[in-house]
């Protein structure tokens, strides 16, 4: 996936990229795609910031095939609570100053969700020490868990 973003940067006329990314899925940020895009003046819009809602599910509602993410989410929830915020806010604010990210696309189904996102954005990016603690809380997760298009295959194997 990250290679695809890098390949697009070599194409003439590309002015924007839309990439998946979240606190638990930092592949495009860590790979340098977003940073390289910024250097080429290519806007980077990050979507799927809550990993298709998986990050916000209660542990008991996380599908069996994706349970490997539950310990990381638990650590992130504790970190968020210790910092006086929700996981929703932590995850959103984490991306606000991610290297090369121009804009964060926030999905919402209700006006209340839009209001929550706006309030989190108004509080600004996370302090650097909290960013680092959040990254350390996640660790490495399997690519299959970070790629929603692969989830059906995970379920079929069980």
N, C-alpha and C. Protein backbone atom coordinates (compact mmCIF):
# COMPACT_ATOMS: atom_id res chain seq x y z
N UNK A 1 0.83 -1.19 0.00
CA UNK A 1 0.00 0.00 0.00
C UNK A 1 0.87 1.25 0.00
N UNK A 2 1.89 1.28 0.84
CA UNK A 2 2.77 2.44 0.88
C UNK A 2 3.49 2.62 -0.44
N UNK A 3 3.87 1.52 -1.08
CA UNK A 3 4.55 1.61 -2.38
C UNK A 3 3.64 2.25 -3.41
N UNK A 4 2.35 1.97 -3.36
CA UNK A 4 1.41 2.57 -4.29
C UNK A 4 1.38 4.08 -4.15
N UNK A 5 1.44 4.56 -2.92
CA UNK A 5 1.49 6.01 -2.68
C UNK A 5 2.76 6.61 -3.23
N UNK A 6 3.88 5.91 -3.04
CA UNK A 6 5.15 6.40 -3.59
C UNK A 6 5.11 6.42 -5.11
N UNK A 7 4.53 5.40 -5.72
CA UNK A 7 4.43 5.35 -7.17
C UNK A 7 3.62 6.53 -7.70
N UNK A 8 2.54 6.88 -7.01
CA UNK A 8 1.70 7.99 -7.44
C UNK A 8 2.45 9.32 -7.41
N UNK A 9 3.37 9.45 -6.48
CA UNK A 9 4.12 10.71 -6.38
C UNK A 9 4.97 10.96 -7.61
N UNK A 10 5.30 9.92 -8.35
CA UNK A 10 6.09 10.07 -9.56
C UNK A 10 5.28 10.44 -10.79
N UNK A 11 3.97 10.46 -10.67
CA UNK A 11 3.12 10.76 -11.81
C UNK A 11 2.95 12.27 -11.98
N UNK A 12 2.95 12.73 -13.21
CA UNK A 12 2.74 14.15 -13.49
C UNK A 12 1.30 14.52 -13.18
N UNK A 13 1.11 15.71 -12.66
CA UNK A 13 -0.23 16.23 -12.43
C UNK A 13 -0.89 15.81 -11.14
N UNK A 14 -0.22 15.03 -10.31
CA UNK A 14 -0.80 14.62 -9.03
C UNK A 14 -0.68 15.79 -8.05
N UNK A 15 -1.82 16.24 -7.55
CA UNK A 15 -1.80 17.35 -6.60
C UNK A 15 -2.29 16.94 -5.22
N UNK A 16 -2.85 15.74 -5.12
CA UNK A 16 -3.35 15.28 -3.82
C UNK A 16 -3.37 13.76 -3.78
N UNK A 17 -3.17 13.24 -2.58
CA UNK A 17 -3.29 11.81 -2.31
C UNK A 17 -4.26 11.64 -1.14
N UNK A 18 -5.05 10.59 -1.20
CA UNK A 18 -5.90 10.21 -0.08
C UNK A 18 -5.39 8.86 0.40
N UNK A 19 -4.94 8.82 1.64
CA UNK A 19 -4.32 7.62 2.18
C UNK A 19 -5.03 7.18 3.46
N UNK A 20 -5.12 5.87 3.69
CA UNK A 20 -5.63 5.43 4.98
C UNK A 20 -4.56 5.67 6.05
N UNK A 21 -5.01 6.01 7.22
CA UNK A 21 -4.05 6.18 8.30
C UNK A 21 -4.76 6.41 9.62
N UNK A 22 -4.14 5.95 10.67
CA UNK A 22 -4.70 6.11 12.01
C UNK A 22 -3.58 5.95 13.03
N UNK A 23 -3.93 6.15 14.25
CA UNK A 23 -2.96 5.95 15.32
C UNK A 23 -2.45 4.52 15.31
N UNK A 24 -3.29 3.55 14.95
CA UNK A 24 -2.84 2.16 14.91
C UNK A 24 -2.28 1.76 13.54
N UNK A 25 -2.55 2.54 12.51
CA UNK A 25 -2.05 2.24 11.16
C UNK A 25 -1.24 3.43 10.65
N UNK A 26 0.03 3.41 10.95
CA UNK A 26 0.92 4.51 10.61
C UNK A 26 1.82 4.19 9.41
N UNK A 27 1.44 3.19 8.63
CA UNK A 27 2.30 2.73 7.54
C UNK A 27 2.69 3.84 6.57
N UNK A 28 1.74 4.67 6.16
CA UNK A 28 2.05 5.70 5.16
C UNK A 28 2.87 6.85 5.76
N UNK A 29 2.73 7.06 7.04
CA UNK A 29 3.53 8.09 7.70
C UNK A 29 4.94 7.57 7.93
N UNK A 30 5.03 6.37 8.50
CA UNK A 30 6.35 5.77 8.77
C UNK A 30 7.14 5.51 7.50
N UNK A 31 6.45 5.16 6.42
CA UNK A 31 7.15 4.86 5.16
C UNK A 31 7.69 6.11 4.48
N UNK A 32 7.23 7.26 4.93
CA UNK A 32 7.68 8.52 4.33
C UNK A 32 6.84 9.01 3.17
N UNK A 33 5.80 8.28 2.81
CA UNK A 33 4.96 8.70 1.68
C UNK A 33 4.40 10.09 1.93
N UNK A 34 3.80 10.30 3.09
CA UNK A 34 3.18 11.58 3.38
C UNK A 34 4.22 12.70 3.41
N UNK A 35 5.35 12.46 4.02
CA UNK A 35 6.41 13.47 4.07
C UNK A 35 6.95 13.82 2.70
N UNK A 36 7.16 12.81 1.86
CA UNK A 36 7.64 13.05 0.49
C UNK A 36 6.61 13.82 -0.32
N UNK A 37 5.36 13.49 -0.09
CA UNK A 37 4.29 14.21 -0.80
C UNK A 37 4.32 15.69 -0.43
N UNK A 38 4.47 15.98 0.85
CA UNK A 38 4.51 17.38 1.28
C UNK A 38 5.67 18.12 0.62
N UNK A 39 6.82 17.46 0.50
CA UNK A 39 7.99 18.10 -0.14
C UNK A 39 7.73 18.39 -1.61
N UNK A 40 6.84 17.60 -2.24
CA UNK A 40 6.49 17.81 -3.65
C UNK A 40 5.25 18.69 -3.79
N UNK A 41 4.81 19.25 -2.68
CA UNK A 41 3.62 20.08 -2.63
C UNK A 41 2.36 19.33 -3.07
N UNK A 42 2.32 18.08 -2.69
CA UNK A 42 1.14 17.23 -2.94
C UNK A 42 0.38 17.15 -1.62
N UNK A 43 -0.87 17.53 -1.65
CA UNK A 43 -1.70 17.48 -0.45
C UNK A 43 -1.96 16.02 -0.06
N UNK A 44 -1.96 15.75 1.23
CA UNK A 44 -2.23 14.40 1.74
C UNK A 44 -3.44 14.46 2.66
N UNK A 45 -4.50 13.77 2.23
CA UNK A 45 -5.71 13.65 3.01
C UNK A 45 -5.72 12.26 3.63
N UNK A 46 -5.84 12.20 4.95
CA UNK A 46 -5.84 10.91 5.64
C UNK A 46 -7.27 10.54 5.99
N UNK A 47 -7.64 9.32 5.60
CA UNK A 47 -8.99 8.80 5.85
C UNK A 47 -8.88 7.53 6.70
N UNK A 48 -10.00 7.02 7.10
CA UNK A 48 -10.09 5.80 7.92
C UNK A 48 -9.31 5.97 9.22
N UNK A 49 -9.49 7.15 9.82
CA UNK A 49 -8.68 7.48 11.00
C UNK A 49 -9.04 6.68 12.24
N UNK A 50 -10.19 6.03 12.22
CA UNK A 50 -10.57 5.14 13.32
C UNK A 50 -10.60 3.69 12.84
N UNK A 51 -9.88 3.41 11.77
CA UNK A 51 -9.78 2.08 11.17
C UNK A 51 -11.18 1.49 10.94
N UNK A 52 -11.95 2.22 10.16
CA UNK A 52 -13.33 1.83 9.82
C UNK A 52 -14.18 1.62 11.07
N UNK A 53 -13.90 2.38 12.13
CA UNK A 53 -14.67 2.29 13.37
C UNK A 53 -14.17 1.23 14.35
N UNK A 54 -13.26 0.38 13.90
CA UNK A 54 -12.75 -0.70 14.76
C UNK A 54 -12.17 -0.15 16.07
N UNK A 55 -11.46 0.96 15.98
CA UNK A 55 -10.82 1.51 17.17
C UNK A 55 -11.82 1.96 18.23
N UNK A 56 -13.03 2.25 17.83
CA UNK A 56 -14.01 2.81 18.77
C UNK A 56 -15.00 1.77 19.29
N UNK A 57 -14.87 0.53 18.82
CA UNK A 57 -15.75 -0.53 19.30
C UNK A 57 -15.38 -0.97 20.72
N UNK A 58 -16.38 -1.33 21.52
CA UNK A 58 -16.07 -1.97 22.80
C UNK A 58 -15.36 -3.30 22.50
N UNK A 59 -14.46 -3.71 23.37
CA UNK A 59 -13.68 -4.93 23.13
C UNK A 59 -14.54 -6.13 22.77
N UNK A 60 -15.68 -6.28 23.43
CA UNK A 60 -16.51 -7.46 23.18
C UNK A 60 -17.17 -7.44 21.80
N UNK A 61 -17.14 -6.31 21.12
CA UNK A 61 -17.73 -6.23 19.77
C UNK A 61 -16.68 -6.33 18.67
N UNK A 62 -15.41 -6.40 19.04
CA UNK A 62 -14.35 -6.57 18.04
C UNK A 62 -14.44 -8.01 17.53
N UNK A 63 -14.55 -8.19 16.22
CA UNK A 63 -14.66 -9.55 15.67
C UNK A 63 -13.49 -10.43 16.11
N UNK A 64 -13.77 -11.70 16.26
CA UNK A 64 -12.76 -12.66 16.73
C UNK A 64 -11.47 -12.58 15.92
N UNK A 65 -11.59 -12.48 14.61
CA UNK A 65 -10.41 -12.48 13.74
C UNK A 65 -9.55 -11.23 13.92
N UNK A 66 -10.10 -10.21 14.58
CA UNK A 66 -9.36 -8.95 14.76
C UNK A 66 -8.98 -8.70 16.21
N UNK A 67 -9.17 -9.69 17.06
CA UNK A 67 -8.92 -9.54 18.50
C UNK A 67 -7.49 -9.14 18.83
N UNK A 68 -6.55 -9.36 17.92
CA UNK A 68 -5.16 -9.01 18.18
C UNK A 68 -5.00 -7.50 18.44
N UNK A 69 -5.96 -6.70 18.02
CA UNK A 69 -5.88 -5.25 18.21
C UNK A 69 -6.35 -4.83 19.61
N UNK A 70 -7.08 -5.69 20.30
CA UNK A 70 -7.69 -5.32 21.58
C UNK A 70 -6.67 -4.88 22.63
N UNK A 71 -5.55 -5.57 22.84
CA UNK A 71 -4.60 -5.09 23.84
C UNK A 71 -4.07 -3.68 23.55
N UNK A 72 -3.78 -3.40 22.30
CA UNK A 72 -3.30 -2.06 21.93
C UNK A 72 -4.38 -1.01 22.19
N UNK A 73 -5.61 -1.33 21.84
CA UNK A 73 -6.70 -0.39 22.09
C UNK A 73 -6.90 -0.15 23.58
N UNK A 74 -6.75 -1.18 24.37
CA UNK A 74 -6.85 -1.02 25.82
C UNK A 74 -5.77 -0.08 26.35
N UNK A 75 -4.55 -0.26 25.88
CA UNK A 75 -3.45 0.64 26.30
C UNK A 75 -3.74 2.07 25.87
N UNK A 76 -4.25 2.24 24.65
CA UNK A 76 -4.56 3.59 24.15
C UNK A 76 -5.71 4.22 24.94
N UNK A 77 -6.73 3.43 25.28
CA UNK A 77 -7.84 3.97 26.09
C UNK A 77 -7.34 4.45 27.45
N UNK A 78 -6.45 3.66 28.07
CA UNK A 78 -5.91 4.06 29.38
C UNK A 78 -5.08 5.33 29.24
N UNK A 79 -4.26 5.40 28.20
CA UNK A 79 -3.45 6.59 27.97
C UNK A 79 -4.35 7.81 27.76
N UNK A 80 -5.39 7.65 26.97
CA UNK A 80 -6.31 8.75 26.72
C UNK A 80 -6.98 9.19 28.02
N UNK A 81 -7.48 8.23 28.79
CA UNK A 81 -8.16 8.55 30.05
C UNK A 81 -7.21 9.25 31.01
N UNK A 82 -5.98 8.76 31.10
CA UNK A 82 -4.98 9.38 31.97
C UNK A 82 -4.66 10.81 31.54
N UNK A 83 -4.92 11.09 30.27
CA UNK A 83 -4.65 12.43 29.71
C UNK A 83 -5.91 13.28 29.65
N UNK A 84 -7.01 12.78 30.20
CA UNK A 84 -8.25 13.55 30.26
C UNK A 84 -9.01 13.63 28.95
N UNK A 85 -8.90 12.59 28.14
CA UNK A 85 -9.63 12.60 26.87
C UNK A 85 -10.10 11.19 26.53
N UNK A 86 -10.89 11.12 25.47
CA UNK A 86 -11.36 9.83 24.97
C UNK A 86 -10.37 9.29 23.94
N UNK A 87 -10.53 8.03 23.61
CA UNK A 87 -9.71 7.45 22.53
C UNK A 87 -10.02 8.16 21.22
N UNK A 88 -11.26 8.51 20.99
CA UNK A 88 -11.66 9.26 19.79
C UNK A 88 -10.80 10.52 19.66
N UNK A 89 -10.72 11.28 20.74
CA UNK A 89 -9.95 12.53 20.71
C UNK A 89 -8.46 12.26 20.54
N UNK A 90 -7.93 11.30 21.25
CA UNK A 90 -6.51 10.96 21.14
C UNK A 90 -6.16 10.59 19.70
N UNK A 91 -6.98 9.72 19.10
CA UNK A 91 -6.71 9.25 17.74
C UNK A 91 -6.78 10.39 16.72
N UNK A 92 -7.75 11.25 16.87
CA UNK A 92 -7.90 12.38 15.94
C UNK A 92 -6.77 13.39 16.11
N UNK A 93 -6.50 13.78 17.33
CA UNK A 93 -5.46 14.78 17.58
C UNK A 93 -4.07 14.26 17.22
N UNK A 94 -3.87 12.95 17.31
CA UNK A 94 -2.59 12.36 16.94
C UNK A 94 -2.26 12.68 15.48
N UNK A 95 -3.25 12.64 14.62
CA UNK A 95 -3.00 12.83 13.19
C UNK A 95 -2.88 14.30 12.77
N UNK A 96 -3.27 15.22 13.63
CA UNK A 96 -3.30 16.63 13.23
C UNK A 96 -1.94 17.19 12.83
N UNK A 97 -0.88 16.67 13.40
CA UNK A 97 0.44 17.17 12.99
C UNK A 97 1.36 16.04 12.53
N UNK A 98 0.75 14.97 12.03
CA UNK A 98 1.55 13.87 11.49
C UNK A 98 2.32 14.38 10.27
N UNK A 99 3.53 13.90 10.12
CA UNK A 99 4.43 14.36 9.06
C UNK A 99 3.78 14.26 7.69
N UNK A 100 3.65 15.39 7.02
CA UNK A 100 3.16 15.44 5.66
C UNK A 100 1.65 15.45 5.50
N UNK A 101 0.91 15.29 6.59
CA UNK A 101 -0.55 15.24 6.49
C UNK A 101 -1.11 16.66 6.36
N UNK A 102 -1.87 16.87 5.29
CA UNK A 102 -2.50 18.16 5.03
C UNK A 102 -3.82 18.28 5.76
N UNK A 103 -4.61 17.21 5.70
CA UNK A 103 -5.94 17.26 6.28
C UNK A 103 -6.37 15.86 6.72
N UNK A 104 -7.17 15.84 7.77
CA UNK A 104 -7.71 14.59 8.31
C UNK A 104 -9.19 14.54 7.97
N UNK A 105 -9.61 13.48 7.31
CA UNK A 105 -11.02 13.31 6.94
C UNK A 105 -11.71 12.52 8.04
N UNK A 106 -12.71 13.13 8.64
CA UNK A 106 -13.40 12.51 9.77
C UNK A 106 -14.79 12.08 9.33
N UNK A 107 -15.07 10.80 9.42
CA UNK A 107 -16.41 10.30 9.12
C UNK A 107 -17.31 10.50 10.33
N UNK A 108 -18.54 10.82 10.07
CA UNK A 108 -19.50 11.00 11.16
C UNK A 108 -20.89 10.63 10.64
N UNK A 109 -21.71 10.11 11.55
CA UNK A 109 -23.08 9.75 11.20
C UNK A 109 -24.09 10.66 11.87
N UNK A 110 -23.65 11.40 12.89
CA UNK A 110 -24.58 12.27 13.61
C UNK A 110 -23.95 13.65 13.81
N UNK A 111 -24.81 14.61 14.09
CA UNK A 111 -24.33 15.97 14.38
C UNK A 111 -23.46 15.97 15.63
N UNK A 112 -23.79 15.13 16.61
CA UNK A 112 -22.99 15.05 17.83
C UNK A 112 -21.56 14.58 17.53
N UNK A 113 -21.43 13.61 16.62
CA UNK A 113 -20.09 13.14 16.24
C UNK A 113 -19.30 14.24 15.54
N UNK A 114 -19.95 15.03 14.72
CA UNK A 114 -19.28 16.16 14.07
C UNK A 114 -18.82 17.16 15.14
N UNK A 115 -19.68 17.43 16.10
CA UNK A 115 -19.34 18.36 17.18
C UNK A 115 -18.15 17.85 17.99
N UNK A 116 -18.14 16.56 18.32
CA UNK A 116 -17.02 15.97 19.06
C UNK A 116 -15.71 16.12 18.29
N UNK A 117 -15.76 15.86 17.00
CA UNK A 117 -14.56 15.98 16.17
C UNK A 117 -14.09 17.42 16.12
N UNK A 118 -15.01 18.36 15.96
CA UNK A 118 -14.64 19.78 15.90
C UNK A 118 -13.99 20.23 17.20
N UNK A 119 -14.53 19.79 18.32
CA UNK A 119 -13.96 20.15 19.62
C UNK A 119 -12.56 19.57 19.79
N UNK A 120 -12.37 18.32 19.35
CA UNK A 120 -11.04 17.71 19.44
C UNK A 120 -10.05 18.47 18.56
N UNK A 121 -10.45 18.82 17.36
CA UNK A 121 -9.57 19.56 16.45
C UNK A 121 -9.22 20.93 17.04
N UNK A 122 -10.20 21.58 17.68
CA UNK A 122 -9.95 22.89 18.30
C UNK A 122 -8.89 22.80 19.39
N UNK A 123 -8.77 21.64 20.04
CA UNK A 123 -7.76 21.49 21.10
C UNK A 123 -6.36 21.30 20.52
N UNK A 124 -6.27 21.08 19.22
CA UNK A 124 -4.98 21.03 18.54
C UNK A 124 -4.28 19.68 18.64
N UNK A 125 -3.11 19.65 18.05
CA UNK A 125 -2.31 18.43 18.01
C UNK A 125 -1.87 18.04 19.42
N UNK A 126 -1.52 16.78 19.56
CA UNK A 126 -1.06 16.27 20.85
C UNK A 126 0.33 16.82 21.18
N UNK A 127 0.60 16.99 22.47
CA UNK A 127 1.97 17.31 22.86
C UNK A 127 2.90 16.17 22.44
N UNK A 128 4.14 16.48 22.15
CA UNK A 128 5.08 15.48 21.63
C UNK A 128 5.23 14.27 22.55
N UNK A 129 5.28 14.48 23.87
CA UNK A 129 5.44 13.33 24.78
C UNK A 129 4.23 12.40 24.72
N UNK A 130 3.05 12.96 24.55
CA UNK A 130 1.84 12.13 24.45
C UNK A 130 1.80 11.41 23.10
N UNK A 131 2.25 12.07 22.03
CA UNK A 131 2.35 11.41 20.72
C UNK A 131 3.24 10.18 20.81
N UNK A 132 4.41 10.37 21.43
CA UNK A 132 5.36 9.27 21.55
C UNK A 132 4.80 8.14 22.40
N UNK A 133 4.13 8.48 23.50
CA UNK A 133 3.54 7.46 24.37
C UNK A 133 2.44 6.69 23.61
N UNK A 134 1.68 7.39 22.79
CA UNK A 134 0.63 6.73 22.00
C UNK A 134 1.24 5.77 21.00
N UNK A 135 2.28 6.19 20.32
CA UNK A 135 2.95 5.32 19.34
C UNK A 135 3.51 4.08 20.02
N UNK A 136 4.11 4.25 21.18
CA UNK A 136 4.67 3.11 21.92
C UNK A 136 3.57 2.17 22.39
N UNK A 137 2.38 2.70 22.66
CA UNK A 137 1.27 1.88 23.14
C UNK A 137 0.74 0.94 22.07
N UNK A 138 0.92 1.30 20.80
CA UNK A 138 0.35 0.51 19.71
C UNK A 138 1.19 -0.72 19.41
N UNK A 139 2.48 -0.55 19.25
CA UNK A 139 3.33 -1.65 18.82
C UNK A 139 3.07 -1.99 17.36
N UNK A 140 3.47 -3.18 16.96
CA UNK A 140 3.27 -3.63 15.58
C UNK A 140 2.03 -4.51 15.49
N UNK A 141 1.19 -4.21 14.53
CA UNK A 141 -0.01 -5.02 14.30
C UNK A 141 0.08 -5.63 12.91
N UNK A 142 -0.51 -6.81 12.72
CA UNK A 142 -0.45 -7.46 11.40
C UNK A 142 -1.12 -6.61 10.32
N UNK A 143 -0.53 -6.63 9.14
CA UNK A 143 -1.06 -5.88 8.00
C UNK A 143 -2.52 -6.25 7.73
N UNK A 144 -2.86 -7.51 7.90
CA UNK A 144 -4.23 -7.97 7.65
C UNK A 144 -5.24 -7.28 8.56
N UNK A 145 -4.82 -6.96 9.77
CA UNK A 145 -5.70 -6.28 10.71
C UNK A 145 -5.83 -4.80 10.35
N UNK A 146 -4.79 -4.23 9.78
CA UNK A 146 -4.79 -2.82 9.43
C UNK A 146 -5.42 -2.53 8.07
N UNK A 147 -5.80 -3.58 7.35
CA UNK A 147 -6.32 -3.43 5.99
C UNK A 147 -7.74 -3.98 5.93
N UNK A 148 -8.74 -3.11 6.07
CA UNK A 148 -10.13 -3.59 6.10
C UNK A 148 -10.52 -4.46 4.91
N UNK A 149 -9.94 -4.24 3.75
CA UNK A 149 -10.29 -5.07 2.59
C UNK A 149 -9.85 -6.53 2.78
N UNK A 150 -8.99 -6.79 3.76
CA UNK A 150 -8.52 -8.14 4.03
C UNK A 150 -9.31 -8.81 5.16
N UNK A 151 -10.18 -8.09 5.82
CA UNK A 151 -10.89 -8.63 6.97
C UNK A 151 -11.76 -9.83 6.62
N UNK A 152 -12.42 -9.77 5.48
CA UNK A 152 -13.29 -10.88 5.11
C UNK A 152 -12.48 -12.17 4.97
N UNK A 153 -11.29 -12.08 4.41
CA UNK A 153 -10.41 -13.24 4.29
C UNK A 153 -9.99 -13.80 5.63
N UNK A 154 -9.81 -12.92 6.62
CA UNK A 154 -9.47 -13.38 7.96
C UNK A 154 -10.62 -14.18 8.54
N UNK A 155 -11.82 -13.71 8.33
CA UNK A 155 -13.00 -14.40 8.87
C UNK A 155 -13.16 -15.75 8.20
N UNK A 156 -12.88 -15.80 6.90
CA UNK A 156 -13.08 -17.05 6.15
C UNK A 156 -12.11 -18.14 6.59
N UNK A 157 -10.92 -17.75 7.06
CA UNK A 157 -9.92 -18.72 7.46
C UNK A 157 -10.22 -19.37 8.79
N UNK A 158 -11.04 -18.77 9.57
CA UNK A 158 -11.32 -19.28 10.93
C UNK A 158 -12.29 -20.41 10.91
